[in-house]
């Protein structure tokens, strides 16, 4: 009869124990991913906290009046009088001009690339559109100063002033004259339109490609034309994602600095006209932060940065939620 003896288990060396723990790749991977995600959240909170803390003096001094369009709009570092409404207005109006120009062009490009473009042309044309996003903003600014402003902005501004500027409701918005070099809010908006076009076009194209082929086939089987399928089926189906692409483009337009600073004219005059020079939130920070004449001046500029930070954060969050919403509704059948 075989006799069994109980031997005490051998203790594993520290190297063996470490090797055993490292074999659980999922746990290690999950820990790494969670840590990186928390790091991103921590960086965002740290930036927001820094801007809030460094702008405390300006917030206490001016309160909500810092943002108000009511009363006298002034930005005078000599007398420590600061109001940001004219910069907020400049940011909003140039961004909306950019969106008004870029959205139709971007949707046209996205529809062509996703639905109408020949297969051999789709990849090189898509790469060329996306290449626009890789061009540095200072290059856009230089091109705008020497080519775009005299050739496009000045004639366009003159035409708008002479035609639509006579309409009573648009007299304030299109009051002239256009500056000789073309520097204006209109110039900034048109340059921004070119810069955000690849973002909106690329995301919209991906949204259209994510729509199941069955939607197209069902529409065509019912007798719809190619254009009716695009207009009445695909665009409504992908509306949330396309809207998210537009908001992503708007977020970039709000925060763009260098190109806008080079073509907007950098003027603190209180005009509301698109055809006059102005400032945006980002351009006033770029121009004045290094030369702030007092602590309150610096704190006012930091508060402007806080406003811009909150605006872009909210817009990007909304855009991501909308893109996720359209992706969630799609079934597993996805067009390649």
Protein backbone atom coordinates (compact mmCIF):
# COMPACT_ATOMS: atom_id res chain seq x y z
CA UNK A 1 0.00 0.00 0.00
CA UNK A 2 1.42 3.35 -1.10
CA UNK A 3 2.12 5.71 1.70
CA UNK A 4 1.50 9.44 1.26
CA UNK A 5 3.25 12.04 3.28
CA UNK A 6 2.23 15.67 3.65
CA UNK A 7 5.04 18.02 2.80
CA UNK A 8 4.74 21.70 3.75
CA UNK A 9 4.29 23.94 0.65
CA UNK A 10 7.38 25.64 -0.54
CA UNK A 11 7.50 29.38 -0.28
CA UNK A 12 7.66 31.13 -3.63
CA UNK A 13 10.45 33.54 -4.20
CA UNK A 14 9.62 37.20 -4.58
CA UNK A 15 10.51 36.96 -8.26
CA UNK A 16 7.99 34.13 -8.78
CA UNK A 17 5.28 36.04 -6.91
CA UNK A 18 5.91 39.16 -9.02
CA UNK A 19 5.81 37.09 -12.19
CA UNK A 20 2.48 35.57 -11.15
CA UNK A 21 0.96 38.99 -10.50
CA UNK A 22 2.17 40.32 -13.82
CA UNK A 23 0.44 37.45 -15.58
CA UNK A 24 -2.91 39.07 -14.77
CA UNK A 25 -2.65 41.43 -17.72
CA UNK A 26 -6.25 42.61 -17.56
CA UNK A 27 -5.90 43.88 -14.02
CA UNK A 28 -2.64 45.70 -14.81
CA UNK A 29 -4.11 47.15 -18.00
CA UNK A 30 -7.27 48.35 -16.26
CA UNK A 31 -5.23 50.00 -13.52
CA UNK A 32 -3.10 51.81 -16.10
CA UNK A 33 -6.11 52.99 -18.11
CA UNK A 34 -7.96 54.22 -15.02
CA UNK A 35 -4.84 56.05 -13.84
CA UNK A 36 -4.40 57.81 -17.17
CA UNK A 37 -8.08 58.78 -17.25
CA UNK A 38 -7.90 60.22 -13.75
CA UNK A 39 -4.72 62.07 -14.74
CA UNK A 40 -6.57 63.79 -17.60
CA UNK A 41 -9.41 64.78 -15.27
CA UNK A 42 -6.86 66.00 -12.73
CA UNK A 43 -5.11 68.18 -15.33
CA UNK A 44 -8.42 69.78 -16.36
CA UNK A 45 -9.37 70.44 -12.74
CA UNK A 46 -5.90 71.82 -12.03
CA UNK A 47 -6.12 74.25 -14.96
CA UNK A 48 -9.58 75.38 -13.91
CA UNK A 49 -8.52 75.76 -10.28
CA UNK A 50 -5.44 77.77 -11.23
CA UNK A 51 -7.45 80.16 -13.41
CA UNK A 52 -10.09 80.55 -10.68
CA UNK A 53 -7.50 81.30 -8.02
CA UNK A 54 -5.41 83.72 -10.09
CA UNK A 55 -8.48 85.68 -11.22
CA UNK A 56 -9.83 86.21 -7.68
CA UNK A 57 -8.86 89.90 -7.51
CA UNK A 58 -10.59 90.74 -10.79
CA UNK A 59 -13.75 88.82 -9.84
CA UNK A 60 -13.97 90.61 -6.49
CA UNK A 61 -13.30 94.01 -8.06
CA UNK A 62 -15.72 93.87 -11.00
CA UNK A 63 -18.14 91.02 -10.25
CA UNK A 64 -20.65 90.12 -12.95
CA UNK A 65 -20.24 93.58 -14.45
CA UNK A 66 -17.04 92.29 -16.01
CA UNK A 67 -19.19 90.27 -18.44
CA UNK A 68 -22.10 92.67 -18.86
CA UNK A 69 -22.78 94.51 -22.15
CA UNK A 70 -24.64 97.20 -20.20
CA UNK A 71 -23.02 100.50 -19.33
CA UNK A 72 -19.78 101.84 -20.70
CA UNK A 73 -17.62 99.24 -22.41
CA UNK A 74 -14.05 100.07 -21.46
CA UNK A 75 -10.68 98.36 -21.26
CA UNK A 76 -8.21 100.85 -19.84
CA UNK A 77 -5.12 99.45 -18.11
CA UNK A 78 -4.00 102.94 -17.09
CA UNK A 79 -7.09 103.57 -14.96
CA UNK A 80 -7.52 99.87 -13.99
CA UNK A 81 -10.94 99.79 -15.65
CA UNK A 82 -11.71 96.47 -17.30
CA UNK A 83 -14.77 94.99 -19.00
CA UNK A 84 -14.60 91.93 -21.22
CA UNK A 85 -17.87 92.22 -23.14
CA UNK A 86 -16.32 93.60 -26.35
CA UNK A 87 -13.88 90.67 -26.41
CA UNK A 88 -16.65 88.15 -25.74
CA UNK A 89 -18.66 89.73 -28.56
CA UNK A 90 -15.65 89.57 -30.89
CA UNK A 91 -15.12 85.89 -30.07
CA UNK A 92 -18.77 84.98 -30.59
CA UNK A 93 -19.32 86.95 -33.80
CA UNK A 94 -16.14 85.71 -35.51
CA UNK A 95 -16.92 82.13 -34.47
CA UNK A 96 -20.47 82.31 -35.83
CA UNK A 97 -19.25 83.82 -39.10
CA UNK A 98 -16.80 80.93 -39.36
CA UNK A 99 -19.55 78.38 -38.68
CA UNK A 100 -21.93 80.00 -41.19
CA UNK A 101 -19.29 79.72 -43.92
CA UNK A 102 -17.70 76.40 -42.97
CA UNK A 103 -20.77 74.24 -42.29
CA UNK A 104 -22.21 74.19 -45.84
CA UNK A 105 -18.78 73.65 -47.38
CA UNK A 106 -17.87 70.94 -44.87
CA UNK A 107 -21.16 69.07 -45.32
CA UNK A 108 -20.73 69.19 -49.09
CA UNK A 109 -17.22 67.74 -48.78
CA UNK A 110 -18.36 65.07 -46.29
CA UNK A 111 -21.30 63.99 -48.48
CA UNK A 112 -19.09 63.80 -51.55
CA UNK A 113 -16.39 61.77 -49.78
CA UNK A 114 -18.85 59.38 -48.10
CA UNK A 115 -21.49 58.90 -50.82
CA UNK A 116 -20.45 60.15 -54.25
CA UNK A 117 -16.66 60.08 -54.51
CA UNK A 118 -15.07 57.31 -56.63
CA UNK A 119 -13.13 54.79 -54.56
CA UNK A 120 -9.79 55.66 -56.17
CA UNK A 121 -10.19 59.35 -55.29
CA UNK A 122 -11.66 59.01 -51.78
CA UNK A 123 -8.42 58.38 -49.87
CA UNK A 124 -6.16 61.04 -51.50
CA UNK A 125 -8.91 63.67 -51.40
CA UNK A 126 -9.68 62.87 -47.76
CA UNK A 127 -6.01 63.20 -46.88
CA UNK A 128 -5.78 66.57 -48.62
CA UNK A 129 -8.78 67.88 -46.68
CA UNK A 130 -7.35 66.65 -43.39
CA UNK A 131 -3.98 68.20 -44.29
CA UNK A 132 -5.57 71.62 -43.87
CA UNK A 133 -5.80 70.90 -40.13
CA UNK A 134 -2.02 70.28 -39.98
CA UNK A 135 -1.04 73.71 -41.32
CA UNK A 136 0.21 75.94 -38.45
CA UNK A 137 -2.06 78.83 -37.60
CA UNK A 138 0.76 81.35 -38.05
CA UNK A 139 0.98 80.26 -41.70
CA UNK A 140 -2.74 80.93 -42.08
CA UNK A 141 -2.15 84.33 -40.53
CA UNK A 142 0.68 85.25 -42.90
CA UNK A 143 -1.27 84.03 -45.91
CA UNK A 144 -4.25 86.00 -44.69
CA UNK A 145 -2.29 89.26 -44.34
CA UNK A 146 -0.55 89.15 -47.73
CA UNK A 147 -3.07 87.32 -49.94
CA UNK A 148 -6.50 86.68 -48.44
CA UNK A 149 -7.27 90.10 -46.92
CA UNK A 150 -6.53 92.28 -49.97
CA UNK A 151 -7.87 89.79 -52.52
CA UNK A 152 -11.01 88.51 -50.76
CA UNK A 153 -11.87 90.31 -47.51
CA UNK A 154 -11.67 93.92 -48.75
CA UNK A 155 -13.90 93.32 -51.83
CA UNK A 156 -16.32 91.19 -49.79
CA UNK A 157 -16.56 93.78 -47.03
CA UNK A 158 -17.11 96.60 -49.50
CA UNK A 159 -19.85 94.63 -51.23
CA UNK A 160 -21.60 93.83 -47.94
CA UNK A 161 -21.44 97.47 -46.84
CA UNK A 162 -22.87 98.78 -50.13
CA UNK A 163 -25.66 96.21 -50.39
CA UNK A 164 -26.78 94.68 -47.09
CA UNK A 165 -25.41 97.61 -45.05
CA UNK A 166 -28.32 99.78 -46.19
CA UNK A 167 -30.89 97.45 -44.59
CA UNK A 168 -32.05 98.98 -41.25
CA UNK A 169 -31.56 95.83 -39.20
CA UNK A 170 -28.02 95.31 -40.50
CA UNK A 171 -26.68 98.86 -40.35
CA UNK A 172 -24.93 98.33 -37.02
CA UNK A 173 -23.54 94.92 -37.99
CA UNK A 174 -22.21 96.05 -41.38
CA UNK A 175 -21.22 99.64 -40.65
CA UNK A 176 -18.13 100.66 -42.60
CA UNK A 177 -15.86 101.65 -43.97
CA UNK A 178 -13.64 98.61 -44.38
CA UNK A 179 -10.03 99.28 -43.39
CA UNK A 180 -7.59 99.56 -46.27
CA UNK A 181 -5.65 96.45 -45.29
CA UNK A 182 -8.82 94.44 -44.58
CA UNK A 183 -8.12 93.74 -40.89
CA UNK A 184 -11.52 93.18 -39.29
CA UNK A 185 -13.78 90.74 -37.49
CA UNK A 186 -14.98 89.58 -40.91
CA UNK A 187 -11.41 88.68 -41.87
CA UNK A 188 -10.97 86.70 -38.65
CA UNK A 189 -14.23 84.84 -39.24
CA UNK A 190 -13.33 83.91 -42.82
CA UNK A 191 -9.86 82.70 -41.84
CA UNK A 192 -11.41 80.64 -39.02
CA UNK A 193 -13.84 79.11 -41.51
CA UNK A 194 -10.93 77.71 -43.52
CA UNK A 195 -9.24 76.43 -40.35
CA UNK A 196 -12.25 74.57 -38.93
CA UNK A 197 -13.43 73.17 -42.27
CA UNK A 198 -11.31 69.95 -42.08
CA UNK A 199 -12.52 69.20 -38.53
CA UNK A 200 -16.21 69.43 -39.42
CA UNK A 201 -15.74 67.64 -42.75
CA UNK A 202 -13.76 64.72 -41.28
CA UNK A 203 -16.13 64.04 -38.38
CA UNK A 204 -19.23 64.44 -40.59
CA UNK A 205 -17.76 62.01 -43.11
CA UNK A 206 -17.16 59.43 -40.37
CA UNK A 207 -20.73 59.88 -39.12
CA UNK A 208 -22.14 59.27 -42.61
CA UNK A 209 -19.93 56.21 -43.09
CA UNK A 210 -21.19 54.81 -39.77
CA UNK A 211 -24.80 54.74 -41.01
CA UNK A 212 -25.76 51.13 -41.88
CA UNK A 213 -26.03 50.30 -45.60
CA UNK A 214 -29.53 48.98 -44.98
CA UNK A 215 -30.76 52.57 -44.57
CA UNK A 216 -29.54 53.46 -48.06
CA UNK A 217 -30.82 50.25 -49.60
CA UNK A 218 -34.28 50.65 -48.07
CA UNK A 219 -34.58 54.23 -49.33
CA UNK A 220 -33.43 53.36 -52.85
CA UNK A 221 -35.73 50.31 -52.93
CA UNK A 222 -38.70 52.58 -52.21
CA UNK A 223 -37.89 54.63 -55.29
CA UNK A 224 -35.95 57.52 -53.77
CA UNK A 225 -33.20 59.14 -55.80
CA UNK A 226 -29.61 59.33 -54.59
CA UNK A 227 -30.08 62.93 -53.48
CA UNK A 228 -33.38 62.19 -51.71
CA UNK A 229 -31.66 59.36 -49.84
CA UNK A 230 -28.91 61.68 -48.69
CA UNK A 231 -31.20 64.60 -47.80
CA UNK A 232 -34.15 62.77 -46.24
CA UNK A 233 -32.52 59.65 -44.76
CA UNK A 234 -28.80 59.97 -44.11
CA UNK A 235 -28.62 63.56 -42.87
CA UNK A 236 -31.56 63.18 -40.42
CA UNK A 237 -30.19 59.83 -39.23
CA UNK A 238 -26.75 61.30 -38.52
CA UNK A 239 -27.98 64.69 -37.33
CA UNK A 240 -26.67 64.34 -33.77
CA UNK A 241 -23.20 63.37 -34.95
CA UNK A 242 -23.08 66.13 -37.56
CA UNK A 243 -24.19 68.64 -34.94
CA UNK A 244 -21.41 67.35 -32.71
CA UNK A 245 -18.92 67.94 -35.53
CA UNK A 246 -20.16 71.50 -35.90
CA UNK A 247 -19.79 72.14 -32.17
CA UNK A 248 -16.26 70.69 -32.25
CA UNK A 249 -15.42 73.15 -35.02
CA UNK A 250 -17.01 75.95 -33.03
CA UNK A 251 -14.88 75.00 -30.04
CA UNK A 252 -11.72 75.34 -32.09
CA UNK A 253 -12.88 78.64 -33.53
CA UNK A 254 -13.47 80.03 -30.05
CA UNK A 255 -9.95 79.22 -28.90
CA UNK A 256 -7.90 79.99 -32.01
CA UNK A 257 -5.27 82.63 -31.27
CA UNK A 258 -2.40 83.30 -33.64
CA UNK A 259 -4.16 83.56 -37.00
CA UNK A 260 -6.98 85.62 -35.48
CA UNK A 261 -4.53 87.96 -33.76
CA UNK A 262 -2.77 88.61 -37.07
CA UNK A 263 -5.88 89.52 -39.10
CA UNK A 264 -8.50 90.94 -36.69
CA UNK A 265 -6.85 94.35 -36.24
CA UNK A 266 -6.55 94.25 -32.40
CA UNK A 267 -8.63 97.31 -31.59
CA UNK A 268 -10.57 98.02 -28.39
CA UNK A 269 -13.06 100.35 -30.08
CA UNK A 270 -16.64 99.70 -29.06
CA UNK A 271 -18.01 99.11 -32.56
CA UNK A 272 -20.27 96.12 -33.19
CA UNK A 273 -19.54 96.09 -36.92
CA UNK A 274 -18.13 93.02 -38.63
CA UNK A 275 -16.18 95.31 -40.94
CA UNK A 276 -14.24 97.05 -38.18
CA UNK A 277 -11.15 95.83 -36.29
CA UNK A 278 -11.65 94.26 -32.87
CA UNK A 279 -10.40 91.72 -30.37
CA UNK A 280 -11.26 88.20 -29.30
CA UNK A 281 -10.73 86.63 -25.88
CA UNK A 282 -7.67 84.71 -27.03
CA UNK A 283 -6.11 87.55 -29.02
CA UNK A 284 -6.28 90.06 -26.15
CA UNK A 285 -4.54 87.57 -23.87
CA UNK A 286 -1.82 86.95 -26.46
CA UNK A 287 -1.25 90.68 -27.01
CA UNK A 288 -1.36 92.03 -23.47
CA UNK A 289 -0.42 89.32 -20.97
CA UNK A 290 3.34 89.73 -21.29
CA UNK A 291 3.02 93.52 -20.92
CA UNK A 292 0.40 93.76 -18.16
CA UNK A 293 0.97 97.02 -16.30
CA UNK A 294 -0.57 96.09 -12.92
CA UNK A 295 -1.61 93.02 -10.88
CA UNK A 296 -5.28 93.82 -11.55
CA UNK A 297 -4.56 93.92 -15.29
CA UNK A 298 -3.01 90.46 -15.08
CA UNK A 299 -5.93 89.13 -13.03
CA UNK A 300 -8.42 90.53 -15.56
CA UNK A 301 -6.60 88.72 -18.37
CA UNK A 302 -6.63 85.50 -16.33
CA UNK A 303 -10.37 85.91 -15.82
CA UNK A 304 -10.74 86.21 -19.59
CA UNK A 305 -8.80 82.95 -19.88
CA UNK A 306 -11.20 81.40 -17.35
CA UNK A 307 -14.20 82.50 -19.46
CA UNK A 308 -12.63 81.01 -22.58
CA UNK A 309 -11.76 77.79 -20.72
CA UNK A 310 -15.35 77.31 -19.54
CA UNK A 311 -16.82 78.08 -22.97
CA UNK A 312 -14.62 75.60 -24.82
CA UNK A 313 -15.01 72.91 -22.13
CA UNK A 314 -18.79 73.07 -22.26
CA UNK A 315 -18.89 73.05 -26.06
CA UNK A 316 -16.53 70.11 -26.39
CA UNK A 317 -18.48 68.15 -23.78
CA UNK A 318 -21.73 68.72 -25.65
CA UNK A 319 -20.11 67.74 -28.94
CA UNK A 320 -18.74 64.48 -27.55
CA UNK A 321 -22.12 63.59 -26.05
CA UNK A 322 -23.86 64.17 -29.40
CA UNK A 323 -21.34 62.08 -31.34
CA UNK A 324 -21.69 59.28 -28.78
CA UNK A 325 -25.47 59.45 -29.10
CA UNK A 326 -25.48 58.84 -32.84
CA UNK A 327 -22.92 56.02 -32.49
CA UNK A 328 -25.00 54.33 -29.77
CA UNK A 329 -28.07 54.14 -31.98
CA UNK A 330 -26.26 52.31 -34.78
CA UNK A 331 -26.57 48.52 -34.97
CA UNK A 332 -23.58 46.22 -35.43
CA UNK A 333 -23.84 46.44 -39.20
CA UNK A 334 -21.54 49.35 -40.07
CA UNK A 335 -20.42 50.41 -43.48
CA UNK A 336 -16.68 50.06 -43.99
